[in-house]
Amino acid sequence: MVMAMANHLSDGGDNPSLPGDSKTNGESHRETAMNGSAHDGFEAFNSLVKTDRYGFLGGNQYTNPEDEKRLPQEKLRKRETKWLDMFVNWDKWMSKRFKKVRERCRKGIPPSLRAKAWQYLSGSFFIAEQNQGLFQSYLSAPGDPKCIDDIHKDLDRQFPQHEMFLSKGGVGQEALFEVLKAYSLHRPEEGYCQAQAPIAALLLMHMPAEQAFWCLVAICDKYLMGYYSPGLEAIQLDGDILFGLLKKTSPSLHKHMRKQHIEPIMYMTEWFMCVYTRTLSWTIVLRLWDQFLCEGVKVMFRVGLVLVRVTLEDQLDQCPSFYETLEKLRMKQMPPELQDESFLFTESLRLSVTERDMQREHQKQVSRRKAAREAAEREKAEKAAGAQGSTVKQSKNKKKS
């Protein structure tokens, strides 16, 4: 996780190799996935129930068309042209004009080019090029029985109100199974973790299964290193970092939560492990992912700090105990400000937290955890030595008697 944090708090990073032309925008991919009889059945269903532009029928992710802010077509076309130009000269843009790439990601990647841009930003295309045929070999392998069983149990739980994942055994769930099974074989030391599923589902809304798989691999290796390993040490470390940064940005909230013994792992685990896919409205999720894949985990920290502040800052009088505070942080009732993408991202960039602050807090928490481990080991050794000494003494006393 030290390496992951160091990589992703920097502006640059390794430049991914150039992918070729791709037809993997979200809307066209969903149309391709819903082909044949499955598509005919969906058309009949969709005549009765209308989805939003992202394919959601309802739920927290549903976007009401009346509330949606859409760019004028002329402005959208200009942005598409700029991104197409960047794709042609990607290495040059990433090495010499990264700040402009970052600026364009913060504005939002054009929907028609989002899947392609995500593969450029994550470098997943390069990984796939180096491992052609591997995904298919994973699909034909039997897989670990426990992982396979766990994956099957979770398929129905991933965005059940999205058109791709409505039908049990449908094309969306089948593709999701393939991606998650392949990942469990690709990283057997991690196997399958439930938090991988919504990320894989998000990717499948934009690209075919093989591309989604390699994108998931890139994200887990480059951005979320160690998040899905047994023990969850990486996510606990990032929780401590988030709490340390909160002391700088919102000292009164930090004091309140510390007094009530609220640990970060109690409220931020789903935020970070699922990269907010199960937390925020979908327009915001997509904007966040545009920035996350460009800038790294620091985006998750900034957004997390804003979520804590907005949910608690004016609500402390309603949070006299541990329970009330934790309920607020779990955001069963989403504050209206957090449904406004402009507000959330503007506030996250206004935070008085620099990359250096994040690096310092990271090192501080790593050192603190190391010292705690060493102290625990010393205490354990001392107890073992004491127990051994006591046993020897008892043995001598028995001999004397």
Foldseek 3Di string as FASTA:
>chain_A
DLVLLVQQLDQAHDFADADDDDQFFLVVLVVVLCDDPSVVVVVVVCVVAPAPPLQFRDDQQGDDPVPDDDDDPVVLVVLVVVVVVCSVVVVCCRVPVSVVLLVSLLVPRRRRCLLVLLCRLLNLVRVCVVPPPLLVVLQPDPADPVLLVVLLVCLCVASCRGSLRVDNVGSLSVLLSSLLSSVCVVCVQLRGDSLLRNQLSVSSSGGGSVSSNSSSVSCCVNFVPPCRGPPRPSVLLVQQLLLVVLCVQPVVLSVVCVVQVPGSCLQCSSCPSNVCSVPAHNVLSNSLSSNCSSNGDLSSSLLLSVLLCVLPVVCVVVDPHPVRSSVSSNCPPPDPQRNDNVSSSVNSVPTPAHSVSSSVSSVVSVVVVVVVVVVVVVVVVVVVVVVVVVVVVVVVVVVVD
